[in-house]
Amino acid sequence: MKVNKLWAALLATTFGLAATVTPVVVEAQAKKKAATAPAQMGPAVTKKPIALEPASLKWGMTTKQVGEAIDAQLDEAYKPLYQKVSPGVKMRELDAALAEEKNAFRRSKIEFGKLPVATDSTPLRGEYSYLNKEWMLSMNRDGKTRYFFFIQDKLWKIIDEIKLSKSASLGANFQEAAVKLSTAYGAPGRIIPPNPDLGMFATVVDWKDATTHVRLIERGDPAIAIAYEDNATLQNIESLRPNKPKQEDAIDPAVAAAIRGEEKAPEPPPPPADKKKK
């Protein structure tokens, strides 16, 4: 996606230009503004608070506390279903379905310990580290997959993966989602274009308030991801991750010697001579 076109769309929502000028004019204004304004050094600061959903979720909650919050959310979601059935077989079926959803959430736990996990081959790679007391839980309902990330048993990140459509609340594509979030937060987000050299393969738009950092991540039409992160944890993430990943592209010394053109790696030094022997 062209960054100028995306920035033009965000400007149009902020200044109410969408209904008065053509997209070409707005994009021209965006280019002019980008040429004269200093580069934005951090996430856009929202004018409205960033809220987690459900409201019972708070940063720093333990795995047990998050499980209880999800239980309450599921209980609320099942209320309309219970109101439609009478005591008997149908109600027992609802009881079993509700219990299974609650248990499935707890069984979804993936620990990032010594062994690689399946999520390493997904876009979630890079959202966690190994051997630093980190784990993840997930749930899938209402067309959205939600991932809960913990470090030292404290909730610090939530990522929602969402399928877009013309009838979706966030629109049919990444640009529409960026516009809708900019409107909701009262500020055009900072746009971060892809940079494969830094391991960034998708366009990101981000915002922050006093407690939370939000990233809108392009997943390819028609899908997006929205990552919510605790600002306090982000500021201390390096100290919370003392175990760093091994350098996967490190070259074995013998291989390096062969690359340099040597016939073989240097021989180790001989053992010290025995003075007792003549």
Foldseek 3Di string as FASTA:
>chain_A
DDPLLLQLLQVCLLVVCPVPDDSVVSSVVSVVCVVPDDADPDKAAFPDDDADPPNQDDWFAFPVSVLVVVLVVLVVVCVVVVVVDDPDDSVVVSVVVSVVQSVQQVVQKDAQEDDDDPCCPPPCNVVDHYHLQKIWTWHDDPQKIKIFIDGPRTTFKIKIKHAADCPDPQHFDLSSNQNVVCNVRSHRFRWDQADVVVPRDWIWTWYDYPFWIWIWTHPDGPMIMIMIGGPVCVVCVCVSCVDDDDDPPDDDQQVVCVVVPHPGHDDDDDDDDDVVPD
